[in-house]
PDB file of N, CA and C in Angstrom:
ATOM      1  N   MET A   1      11.215  23.188  10.140  1.00  0.00           N
ATOM      2  CA  MET A   1      11.907  21.767   9.382  1.00  0.00           C
ATOM      3  C   MET A   1      11.443  21.877   8.247  1.00  0.00           C
ATOM      4  N   LYS A   2      12.381  21.851   7.264  1.00  0.00           N
ATOM      5  CA  LYS A   2      12.209  22.065   5.592  1.00  0.00           C
ATOM      6  C   LYS A   2      11.901  20.773   5.101  1.00  0.00           C
ATOM      7  N   THR A   3      11.005  20.688   3.820  1.00  0.00           N
ATOM      8  CA  THR A   3      11.266  19.389   3.531  1.00  0.00           C
ATOM      9  C   THR A   3      11.477  19.704   1.881  1.00  0.00           C
ATOM     10  N   LEU A   4      12.553  18.605   1.755  1.00  0.00           N
ATOM     11  CA  LEU A   4      12.723  18.557   0.211  1.00  0.00           C
ATOM     12  C   LEU A   4      12.100  18.099  -0.672  1.00  0.00           C
ATOM     13  N   PRO A   5      11.942  18.610  -1.914  1.00  0.00           N
ATOM     14  CA  PRO A   5      11.495  17.763  -3.355  1.00  0.00           C
ATOM     15  C   PRO A   5      11.563  16.098  -3.145  1.00  0.00           C
ATOM     16  N   PRO A   6      10.424  15.428  -2.955  1.00  0.00           N
ATOM     17  CA  PRO A   6      11.208  13.787  -3.312  1.00  0.00           C
ATOM     18  C   PRO A   6      11.434  13.535  -4.156  1.00  0.00           C
ATOM     19  N   PHE A   7      12.338  12.375  -3.728  1.00  0.00           N
ATOM     20  CA  PHE A   7      13.666  12.043  -4.277  1.00  0.00           C
ATOM     21  C   PHE A   7      13.308  10.309  -4.744  1.00  0.00           C
ATOM     22  N   LYS A   8      13.428   9.904  -5.582  1.00  0.00           N
ATOM     23  CA  LYS A   8      13.014   7.928  -6.293  1.00  0.00           C
ATOM     24  C   LYS A   8      14.257   7.313  -5.836  1.00  0.00           C
ATOM     25  N   ARG A   9      14.197   6.753  -4.742  1.00  0.00           N
ATOM     26  CA  ARG A   9      15.452   5.721  -4.470  1.00  0.00           C
ATOM     27  C   ARG A   9      15.708   4.960  -6.032  1.00  0.00           C
ATOM     28  N   GLY A  10      17.064   4.931  -5.834  1.00  0.00           N
ATOM     29  CA  GLY A  10      18.215   3.777  -6.192  1.00  0.00           C
ATOM     30  C   GLY A  10      18.510   5.248  -7.500  1.00  0.00           C
ATOM     31  N   ASP A  11      18.298   6.668  -6.940  1.00  0.00           N
ATOM     32  CA  ASP A  11      18.707   7.830  -8.031  1.00  0.00           C
ATOM     33  C   ASP A  11      19.869   7.848  -7.612  1.00  0.00           C
ATOM     34  N   THR A  12      20.713   9.095  -8.180  1.00  0.00           N
ATOM     35  CA  THR A  12      21.792   9.458  -7.305  1.00  0.00           C
ATOM     36  C   THR A  12      21.130  10.762  -6.628  1.00  0.00           C
ATOM     37  N   PHE A  13      21.833  10.961  -5.685  1.00  0.00           N
ATOM     38  CA  PHE A  13      21.412  11.607  -5.037  1.00  0.00           C
ATOM     39  C   PHE A  13      22.468  13.092  -4.566  1.00  0.00           C
ATOM     40  N   GLN A  14      21.940  13.938  -4.650  1.00  0.00           N
ATOM     41  CA  GLN A  14      22.988  15.398  -4.480  1.00  0.00           C
ATOM     42  C   GLN A  14      22.360  16.356  -4.383  1.00  0.00           C
ATOM     43  N   LEU A  15      22.643  16.910  -3.179  1.00  0.00           N
ATOM     44  CA  LEU A  15      22.504  18.748  -3.082  1.00  0.00           C
ATOM     45  C   LEU A  15      23.403  19.488  -2.891  1.00  0.00           C
ATOM     46  N   GLY A  16      23.290  20.961  -3.819  1.00  0.00           N
ATOM     47  CA  GLY A  16      24.406  22.182  -3.721  1.00  0.00           C
ATOM     48  C   GLY A  16      24.091  22.473  -2.566  1.00  0.00           C
ATOM     49  N   CYS A  17      24.540  22.917  -1.480  1.00  0.00           N
ATOM     50  CA  CYS A  17      24.603  24.083   0.104  1.00  0.00           C
ATOM     51  C   CYS A  17      25.665  24.954  -0.108  1.00  0.00           C
ATOM     52  N   LEU A  18      25.287  26.141   0.920  1.00  0.00           N
ATOM     53  CA  LEU A  18      25.933  27.337   1.050  1.00  0.00           C
ATOM     54  C   LEU A  18      26.086  28.098   2.658  1.00  0.00           C
ATOM     55  N   ALA A  19      27.124  27.443   3.060  1.00  0.00           N
ATOM     56  CA  ALA A  19      27.045  28.173   4.628  1.00  0.00           C
ATOM     57  C   ALA A  19      27.087  29.498   4.815  1.00  0.00           C
ATOM     58  N   ARG A  20      26.551  29.982   5.439  1.00  0.00           N
ATOM     59  CA  ARG A  20      26.398  31.571   5.731  1.00  0.00           C
ATOM     60  C   ARG A  20      27.197  31.466   7.268  1.00  0.00           C
ATOM     61  N   ASP A  21      27.377  32.428   7.214  1.00  0.00           N
ATOM     62  CA  ASP A  21      27.959  32.904   8.345  1.00  0.00           C
ATOM     63  C   ASP A  21      26.385  33.673   9.121  1.00  0.00           C
ATOM     64  N   ALA A  22      26.693  34.325  10.524  1.00  0.00           N
ATOM     65  CA  ALA A  22      25.570  35.360  11.303  1.00  0.00           C
ATOM     66  C   ALA A  22      25.615  36.341  10.649  1.00  0.00           C
ATOM     67  N   ASP A  23      26.000  36.966   9.641  1.00  0.00           N
ATOM     68  CA  ASP A  23      26.320  38.010   8.727  1.00  0.00           C
ATOM     69  C   ASP A  23      24.457  37.420   7.898  1.00  0.00           C
ATOM     70  N   GLY A  24      24.702  35.936   7.451  1.00  0.00           N
ATOM     71  CA  GLY A  24      24.234  36.159   5.681  1.00  0.00           C
ATOM     72  C   GLY A  24      25.219  35.727   4.532  1.00  0.00           C
ATOM     73  N   GLN A  25      26.438  36.237   4.825  1.00  0.00           N
ATOM     74  CA  GLN A  25      27.726  36.176   3.825  1.00  0.00           C
ATOM     75  C   GLN A  25      27.900  34.701   3.834  1.00  0.00           C
ATOM     76  N   PRO A  26      28.635  34.608   2.612  1.00  0.00           N
ATOM     77  CA  PRO A  26      29.291  33.310   2.517  1.00  0.00           C
ATOM     78  C   PRO A  26      30.086  32.467   2.927  1.00  0.00           C
ATOM     79  N   GLU A  27      30.308  32.515   3.892  1.00  0.00           N
ATOM     80  CA  GLU A  27      30.821  31.435   5.187  1.00  0.00           C
ATOM     81  C   GLU A  27      32.301  30.953   4.602  1.00  0.00           C
ATOM     82  N   ASP A  28      33.611  31.403   4.891  1.00  0.00           N
ATOM     83  CA  ASP A  28      34.747  30.240   3.868  1.00  0.00           C
ATOM     84  C   ASP A  28      35.044  29.200   4.609  1.00  0.00           C
ATOM     85  N   LEU A  29      35.180  27.482   4.144  1.00  0.00           N
ATOM     86  CA  LEU A  29      34.859  26.768   4.611  1.00  0.00           C
ATOM     87  C   LEU A  29      36.507  25.536   4.904  1.00  0.00           C
ATOM     88  N   THR A  30      37.022  26.826   4.497  1.00  0.00           N
ATOM     89  CA  THR A  30      38.599  26.098   4.396  1.00  0.00           C
ATOM     90  C   THR A  30      39.112  25.923   6.149  1.00  0.00           C
ATOM     91  N   GLY A  31      39.563  24.748   6.492  1.00  0.00           N
ATOM     92  CA  GLY A  31      39.871  24.024   7.469  1.00  0.00           C
ATOM     93  C   GLY A  31      38.910  23.677   8.734  1.00  0.00           C
ATOM     94  N   VAL A  32      37.767  24.002   7.511  1.00  0.00           N
ATOM     95  CA  VAL A  32      36.051  22.890   8.568  1.00  0.00           C
ATOM     96  C   VAL A  32      36.688  21.596   8.167  1.00  0.00           C
ATOM     97  N   THR A  33      35.587  21.284   8.921  1.00  0.00           N
ATOM     98  CA  THR A  33      35.047  19.672   8.846  1.00  0.00           C
ATOM     99  C   THR A  33      33.455  19.408   8.446  1.00  0.00           C
ATOM    100  N   LEU A  34      32.885  18.841   7.270  1.00  0.00           N
ATOM    101  CA  LEU A  34      31.859  18.502   7.617  1.00  0.00           C
ATOM    102  C   LEU A  34      31.129  17.131   7.183  1.00  0.00           C
ATOM    103  N   ARG A  35      30.535  16.696   8.153  1.00  0.00           N
ATOM    104  CA  ARG A  35      29.716  15.451   7.695  1.00  0.00           C
ATOM    105  C   ARG A  35      28.513  15.396   7.555  1.00  0.00           C
ATOM    106  N   ALA A  36      27.976  14.672   7.396  1.00  0.00           N
ATOM    107  CA  ALA A  36      25.849  14.804   7.226  1.00  0.00           C
ATOM    108  C   ALA A  36      25.755  12.983   6.852  1.00  0.00           C
ATOM    109  N   GLN A  37      25.012  12.788   7.855  1.00  0.00           N
ATOM    110  CA  GLN A  37      24.038  12.094   7.722  1.00  0.00           C
ATOM    111  C   GLN A  37      22.521  11.558   7.193  1.00  0.00           C
ATOM    112  N   VAL A  38      21.733  10.439   6.526  1.00  0.00           N
ATOM    113  CA  VAL A  38      20.574  10.479   6.305  1.00  0.00           C
ATOM    114  C   VAL A  38      20.336   9.348   7.068  1.00  0.00           C
ATOM    115  N   ARG A  39      19.032   9.787   7.860  1.00  0.00           N
ATOM    116  CA  ARG A  39      18.042   8.629   9.007  1.00  0.00           C
ATOM    117  C   ARG A  39      17.047   8.173   8.715  1.00  0.00           C
ATOM    118  N   LEU A  40      16.474   7.152   9.367  1.00  0.00           N
ATOM    119  CA  LEU A  40      14.916   7.115   9.293  1.00  0.00           C
ATOM    120  C   LEU A  40      14.460   8.281  10.016  1.00  0.00           C
ATOM    121  N   ALA A  41      13.194   8.593   9.594  1.00  0.00           N
ATOM    122  CA  ALA A  41      12.636   9.422  10.215  1.00  0.00           C
ATOM    123  C   ALA A  41      11.812   9.028  11.556  1.00  0.00           C
ATOM    124  N   SER A  42      11.383   7.735  11.612  1.00  0.00           N
ATOM    125  CA  SER A  42      10.394   7.029  12.177  1.00  0.00           C
ATOM    126  C   SER A  42      11.291   6.424  13.402  1.00  0.00           C
ATOM    127  N   SER A  43      13.295   6.157  13.443  1.00  0.00           N
ATOM    128  CA  SER A  43      13.707   6.062  14.391  1.00  0.00           C
ATOM    129  C   SER A  43      14.725   6.306  14.966  1.00  0.00           C
ATOM    130  N   GLY A  44      14.686   7.017  13.356  1.00  0.00           N
ATOM    131  CA  GLY A  44      16.714   7.704  14.086  1.00  0.00           C
ATOM    132  C   GLY A  44      17.688   6.459  13.154  1.00  0.00           C
ATOM    133  N   ASP A  45      16.994   5.649  13.003  1.00  0.00           N
ATOM    134  CA  ASP A  45      18.357   4.564  12.395  1.00  0.00           C
ATOM    135  C   ASP A  45      19.042   4.717  10.999  1.00  0.00           C
ATOM    136  N   LEU A  46      20.268   5.094  11.352  1.00  0.00           N
ATOM    137  CA  LEU A  46      21.583   5.536   9.964  1.00  0.00           C
ATOM    138  C   LEU A  46      21.211   4.408   9.155  1.00  0.00           C
ATOM    139  N   VAL A  47      21.099   5.473   7.655  1.00  0.00           N
ATOM    140  CA  VAL A  47      20.556   5.112   6.441  1.00  0.00           C
ATOM    141  C   VAL A  47      22.010   4.664   5.799  1.00  0.00           C
ATOM    142  N   ALA A  48      22.666   6.191   6.173  1.00  0.00           N
ATOM    143  CA  ALA A  48      24.376   6.390   4.979  1.00  0.00           C
ATOM    144  C   ALA A  48      24.374   7.019   5.900  1.00  0.00           C
ATOM    145  N   GLU A  49      26.149   7.747   6.008  1.00  0.00           N
ATOM    146  CA  GLU A  49      26.737   8.390   5.621  1.00  0.00           C
ATOM    147  C   GLU A  49      26.700   9.480   4.046  1.00  0.00           C
ATOM    148  N   LEU A  50      26.729  10.579   4.347  1.00  0.00           N
ATOM    149  CA  LEU A  50      26.844  11.567   2.461  1.00  0.00           C
ATOM    150  C   LEU A  50      28.194  12.098   2.543  1.00  0.00           C
ATOM    151  N   GLN A  51      28.084  11.671   1.583  1.00  0.00           N
ATOM    152  CA  GLN A  51      30.215  12.481   0.802  1.00  0.00           C
ATOM    153  C   GLN A  51      29.492  13.765   0.667  1.00  0.00           C
ATOM    154  N   ILE A  52      30.678  13.963   1.157  1.00  0.00           N
ATOM    155  CA  ILE A  52      30.781  15.794   1.087  1.00  0.00           C
ATOM    156  C   ILE A  52      31.907  16.600  -0.220  1.00  0.00           C
ATOM    157  N   GLY A  53      31.695  17.249  -0.440  1.00  0.00           N
ATOM    158  CA  GLY A  53      32.134  17.525  -2.064  1.00  0.00           C
ATOM    159  C   GLY A  53      32.530  19.390  -1.249  1.00  0.00           C
ATOM    160  N   LEU A  54      33.214  19.474  -1.452  1.00  0.00           N
ATOM    161  CA  LEU A  54      33.325  21.378  -1.164  1.00  0.00           C
ATOM    162  C   LEU A  54      34.227  21.849  -2.335  1.00  0.00           C
ATOM    163  N   ALA A  55      33.013  23.464  -2.920  1.00  0.00           N
ATOM    164  CA  ALA A  55      34.338  24.018  -3.595  1.00  0.00           C
ATOM    165  C   ALA A  55      35.070  24.728  -3.436  1.00  0.00           C
ATOM    166  N   ASP A  56      35.848  25.185  -4.518  1.00  0.00           N
ATOM    167  CA  ASP A  56      37.556  25.785  -3.920  1.00  0.00           C
ATOM    168  C   ASP A  56      37.013  27.079  -3.342  1.00  0.00           C
ATOM    169  N   GLN A  57      37.254  27.105  -2.102  1.00  0.00           N
ATOM    170  CA  GLN A  57      36.270  28.211  -1.259  1.00  0.00           C
ATOM    171  C   GLN A  57      37.462  29.606  -1.864  1.00  0.00           C
ATOM    172  N   THR A  58      38.439  29.913  -2.622  1.00  0.00           N
ATOM    173  CA  THR A  58      38.840  30.838  -2.952  1.00  0.00           C
ATOM    174  C   THR A  58      37.182  31.789  -4.079  1.00  0.00           C
ATOM    175  N   THR A  59      37.267  30.499  -4.799  1.00  0.00           N
ATOM    176  CA  THR A  59      36.283  31.467  -5.438  1.00  0.00           C
ATOM    177  C   THR A  59      34.626  31.538  -5.213  1.00  0.00           C
ATOM    178  N   ALA A  60      34.506  30.266  -4.659  1.00  0.00           N
ATOM    179  CA  ALA A  60      32.928  29.703  -4.495  1.00  0.00           C
ATOM    180  C   ALA A  60      32.888  29.503  -2.945  1.00  0.00           C
ATOM    181  N   PRO A  61      33.636  30.586  -1.875  1.00  0.00           N
ATOM    182  CA  PRO A  61      33.456  30.196   0.049  1.00  0.00           C
ATOM    183  C   PRO A  61      32.125  29.990  -0.138  1.00  0.00           C
ATOM    184  N   GLY A  62      31.665  29.076   1.390  1.00  0.00           N
ATOM    185  CA  GLY A  62      30.287  28.636   1.649  1.00  0.00           C
ATOM    186  C   GLY A  62      29.611  27.121   0.247  1.00  0.00           C
ATOM    187  N   GLN A  63      30.930  27.173  -0.518  1.00  0.00           N
ATOM    188  CA  GLN A  63      29.437  26.004  -1.666  1.00  0.00           C
ATOM    189  C   GLN A  63      29.759  24.261  -1.529  1.00  0.00           C
ATOM    190  N   PHE A  64      29.541  24.196  -0.997  1.00  0.00           N
ATOM    191  CA  PHE A  64      29.915  22.424  -0.874  1.00  0.00           C
ATOM    192  C   PHE A  64      27.855  21.749  -1.380  1.00  0.00           C
ATOM    193  N   ALA A  65      28.300  20.075  -1.763  1.00  0.00           N
ATOM    194  CA  ALA A  65      27.618  19.353  -2.127  1.00  0.00           C
ATOM    195  C   ALA A  65      27.126  18.714  -1.040  1.00  0.00           C
ATOM    196  N   ILE A  66      26.439  17.254  -0.845  1.00  0.00           N
ATOM    197  CA  ILE A  66      26.575  16.063  -0.466  1.00  0.00           C
ATOM    198  C   ILE A  66      26.092  15.282  -1.172  1.00  0.00           C
ATOM    199  N   SER A  67      26.223  14.281  -1.470  1.00  0.00           N
ATOM    200  CA  SER A  67      26.029  12.963  -1.954  1.00  0.00           C
ATOM    201  C   SER A  67      25.921  11.606  -1.760  1.00  0.00           C
ATOM    202  N   ALA A  68      24.987  10.813  -2.179  1.00  0.00           N
ATOM    203  CA  ALA A  68      24.840   9.671  -2.519  1.00  0.00           C
ATOM    204  C   ALA A  68      24.898   8.956  -3.909  1.00  0.00           C
ATOM    205  N   LEU A  69      25.619   7.700  -4.353  1.00  0.00           N
ATOM    206  CA  LEU A  69      25.126   7.620  -5.760  1.00  0.00           C
ATOM    207  C   LEU A  69      24.567   6.633  -6.079  1.00  0.00           C
ATOM    208  N   ASP A  70      25.212   5.867  -3.997  1.00  0.00           N
ATOM    209  CA  ASP A  70      24.445   3.979  -4.479  1.00  0.00           C
ATOM    210  C   ASP A  70      23.414   4.362  -3.099  1.00  0.00           C
ATOM    211  N   THR A  71      21.965   4.746  -3.686  1.00  0.00           N
ATOM    212  CA  THR A  71      20.598   4.719  -2.938  1.00  0.00           C
ATOM    213  C   THR A  71      19.553   3.812  -3.073  1.00  0.00           C
ATOM    214  N   ALA A  72      20.114   2.484  -3.722  1.00  0.00           N
ATOM    215  CA  ALA A  72      19.108   1.487  -4.825  1.00  0.00           C
ATOM    216  C   ALA A  72      18.543   1.137  -2.268  1.00  0.00           C
ATOM    217  N   ALA A  73      19.263   0.641  -2.034  1.00  0.00           N
ATOM    218  CA  ALA A  73      18.967   0.097  -0.482  1.00  0.00           C
ATOM    219  C   ALA A  73      18.170   1.388   1.057  1.00  0.00           C
ATOM    220  N   TRP A  74      18.211   2.420   0.279  1.00  0.00           N
ATOM    221  CA  TRP A  74      17.502   3.740   1.194  1.00  0.00           C
ATOM    222  C   TRP A  74      15.861   3.008   1.562  1.00  0.00           C
ATOM    223  N   PRO A  75      15.375   3.428   2.263  1.00  0.00           N
ATOM    224  CA  PRO A  75      14.365   2.943   2.740  1.00  0.00           C
ATOM    225  C   PRO A  75      13.088   3.204   2.013  1.00  0.00           C
ATOM    226  N   ILE A  76      10.984   3.700   1.572  1.00  0.00           N
ATOM    227  CA  ILE A  76      10.920   4.648   0.663  1.00  0.00           C
ATOM    228  C   ILE A  76      10.216   4.364   2.411  1.00  0.00           C
ATOM    229  N   GLY A  77       9.669   6.364   1.908  1.00  0.00           N
ATOM    230  CA  GLY A  77       9.464   7.027   3.209  1.00  0.00           C
ATOM    231  C   GLY A  77      10.163   8.404   4.004  1.00  0.00           C
ATOM    232  N   ALA A  78       9.758   8.971   4.868  1.00  0.00           N
ATOM    233  CA  ALA A  78      10.590  10.106   5.406  1.00  0.00           C
ATOM    234  C   ALA A  78      11.862   9.186   6.111  1.00  0.00           C
ATOM    235  N   LEU A  79      12.947   9.885   5.992  1.00  0.00           N
ATOM    236  CA  LEU A  79      14.603  10.093   6.084  1.00  0.00           C
ATOM    237  C   LEU A  79      14.496  11.954   6.292  1.00  0.00           C
ATOM    238  N   LEU A  80      15.395  12.028   7.509  1.00  0.00           N
ATOM    239  CA  LEU A  80      16.602  13.013   7.919  1.00  0.00           C
ATOM    240  C   LEU A  80      17.325  13.540   7.128  1.00  0.00           C
ATOM    241  N   ILE A  81      17.834  14.529   7.140  1.00  0.00           N
ATOM    242  CA  ILE A  81      19.131  14.783   6.628  1.00  0.00           C
ATOM    243  C   ILE A  81      20.256  16.251   7.600  1.00  0.00           C
ATOM    244  N   ASP A  82      20.737  15.860   8.672  1.00  0.00           N
ATOM    245  CA  ASP A  82      21.871  17.352   8.644  1.00  0.00           C
ATOM    246  C   ASP A  82      22.813  17.246   8.017  1.00  0.00           C
ATOM    247  N   ILE A  83      23.215  18.358   8.334  1.00  0.00           N
ATOM    248  CA  ILE A  83      24.520  18.461   8.360  1.00  0.00           C
ATOM    249  C   ILE A  83      25.982  19.342   8.958  1.00  0.00           C
ATOM    250  N   GLU A  84      26.241  18.828   9.976  1.00  0.00           N
ATOM    251  CA  GLU A  84      27.787  18.884  10.622  1.00  0.00           C
ATOM    252  C   GLU A  84      28.969  19.500  10.634  1.00  0.00           C
ATOM    253  N   GLN A  85      28.896  21.083  11.288  1.00  0.00           N
ATOM    254  CA  GLN A  85      30.194  21.147  10.694  1.00  0.00           C
ATOM    255  C   GLN A  85      31.439  21.521  12.051  1.00  0.00           C
ATOM    256  N   ARG A  86      32.412  21.047  12.179  1.00  0.00           N
ATOM    257  CA  ARG A  86      33.052  21.717  12.931  1.00  0.00           C
ATOM    258  C   ARG A  86      34.000  22.166  12.713  1.00  0.00           C
ATOM    259  N   THR A  87      34.099  23.562  13.819  1.00  0.00           N
ATOM    260  CA  THR A  87      35.701  24.071  13.639  1.00  0.00           C
ATOM    261  C   THR A  87      36.414  24.285  15.207  1.00  0.00           C
ATOM    262  N   GLY A  88      38.027  23.309  14.749  1.00  0.00           N
ATOM    263  CA  GLY A  88      38.116  23.318  16.329  1.00  0.00           C
ATOM    264  C   GLY A  88      37.172  22.711  17.131  1.00  0.00           C
ATOM    265  N   GLN A  89      36.994  22.777  17.868  1.00  0.00           N
ATOM    266  CA  GLN A  89      36.567  22.452  19.530  1.00  0.00           C
ATOM    267  C   GLN A  89      34.758  22.112  18.904  1.00  0.00           C
ATOM    268  N   ALA A  90      34.038  23.590  18.032  1.00  0.00           N
ATOM    269  CA  ALA A  90      33.359  23.789  18.420  1.00  0.00           C
ATOM    270  C   ALA A  90      32.237  23.236  17.073  1.00  0.00           C
ATOM    271  N   ILE A  91      31.367  22.721  17.387  1.00  0.00           N
ATOM    272  CA  ILE A  91      30.517  21.391  16.498  1.00  0.00           C
ATOM    273  C   ILE A  91      29.106  22.574  16.338  1.00  0.00           C
ATOM    274  N   VAL A  92      28.350  22.769  15.328  1.00  0.00           N
ATOM    275  CA  VAL A  92      27.153  23.267  14.628  1.00  0.00           C
ATOM    276  C   VAL A  92      26.342  22.797  13.692  1.00  0.00           C
ATOM    277  N   SER A  93      25.224  22.044  14.057  1.00  0.00           N
ATOM    278  CA  SER A  93      24.577  21.777  12.887  1.00  0.00           C
ATOM    279  C   SER A  93      23.593  22.755  12.560  1.00  0.00           C
ATOM    280  N   SER A  94      23.045  22.174  11.099  1.00  0.00           N
ATOM    281  CA  SER A  94      22.325  22.632  10.219  1.00  0.00           C
ATOM    282  C   SER A  94      20.937  22.238  10.909  1.00  0.00           C
ATOM    283  N   GLU A  95      20.089  22.981  10.027  1.00  0.00           N
ATOM    284  CA  GLU A  95      18.691  23.035  10.199  1.00  0.00           C
ATOM    285  C   GLU A  95      17.985  21.482   9.780  1.00  0.00           C
ATOM    286  N   THR A  96      17.568  20.418  10.555  1.00  0.00           N
ATOM    287  CA  THR A  96      16.975  19.587  10.204  1.00  0.00           C
ATOM    288  C   THR A  96      16.028  18.910   8.760  1.00  0.00           C
ATOM    289  N   LEU A  97      16.378  18.227   7.744  1.00  0.00           N
ATOM    290  CA  LEU A  97      15.486  18.481   6.660  1.00  0.00           C
ATOM    291  C   LEU A  97      15.115  16.940   5.751  1.00  0.00           C
ATOM    292  N   ARG A  98      13.729  17.506   5.638  1.00  0.00           N
ATOM    293  CA  ARG A  98      12.470  15.754   5.511  1.00  0.00           C
ATOM    294  C   ARG A  98      12.750  16.217   4.248  1.00  0.00           C
ATOM    295  N   LEU A  99      13.563  14.308   4.081  1.00  0.00           N
ATOM    296  CA  LEU A  99      13.236  14.085   2.647  1.00  0.00           C
ATOM    297  C   LEU A  99      12.815  12.875   2.369  1.00  0.00           C
ATOM    298  N   PRO A 100      11.362  12.959   1.671  1.00  0.00           N
ATOM    299  CA  PRO A 100      10.455  12.139   1.376  1.00  0.00           C
ATOM    300  C   PRO A 100      11.537  11.307  -0.249  1.00  0.00           C
ATOM    301  N   VAL A 101      10.905   9.726   0.435  1.00  0.00           N
ATOM    302  CA  VAL A 101      11.640   8.985  -0.205  1.00  0.00           C
ATOM    303  C   VAL A 101      11.038   8.015  -1.083  1.00  0.00           C
ATOM    304  N   LEU A 102      10.819   8.039  -2.374  1.00  0.00           N
ATOM    305  CA  LEU A 102       9.670   7.181  -3.429  1.00  0.00           C
ATOM    306  C   LEU A 102      10.100   6.247  -3.904  1.00  0.00           C
ATOM    307  N   GLU A 103       8.772   5.090  -4.915  1.00  0.00           N
ATOM    308  CA  GLU A 103       9.590   3.763  -4.941  1.00  0.00           C
ATOM    309  C   GLU A 103      10.368   4.459  -6.535  1.00  0.00           C
ATOM    310  N   ASP A 104      10.769   3.916  -6.919  1.00  0.00           N
ATOM    311  CA  ASP A 104      11.334   4.150  -8.484  1.00  0.00           C
ATOM    312  C   ASP A 104      10.698   3.131  -8.661  1.00  0.00           C
ATOM    313  N   VAL A 105      10.654   3.613 -10.041  1.00  0.00           N
ATOM    314  CA  VAL A 105       9.570   2.977 -11.083  1.00  0.00           C
ATOM    315  C   VAL A 105      10.531   2.355 -12.079  1.00  0.00           C
ATOM    316  N   THR A 106      11.638   2.759 -13.048  1.00  0.00           N
ATOM    317  CA  THR A 106      12.607   2.195 -13.725  1.00  0.00           C
ATOM    318  C   THR A 106      13.435   1.900 -12.922  1.00  0.00           C
ATOM    319  N   HIS A 107      14.360   0.791 -13.184  1.00  0.00           N
ATOM    320  CA  HIS A 107      15.398   0.392 -12.281  1.00  0.00           C
ATOM    321  C   HIS A 107      15.475  -1.389 -12.263  1.00  0.00           C
ATOM    322  N   ASP A 108      17.001  -1.931 -12.077  1.00  0.00           N
ATOM    323  CA  ASP A 108      17.545  -3.424 -12.835  1.00  0.00           C
ATOM    324  C   ASP A 108      16.214  -4.494 -11.876  1.00  0.00           C
TER     325      ASP A 108
END
């Protein structure tokens, strides 16, 4: 499991991603449904459903971003993220990523 750099609660979360096929080449995601969630590492409880922003697949095949604007209520500690890719009836999930969430010092 890979660990992402620490993230401060309350900041905008965004992670650029690249889907690759079995040969390691960028995979055209046209017609593919993507979804991603953030869950507590300790319990698996859902923290957030992430937004998916797909790049233009003709000029940037395989590129997309996952994001969340409102992270003020995200718990401090270890969270887990994965990305689910659905093509027709086939469902494939990415490697699970660990996201350490830190307390934000400057906030309202």
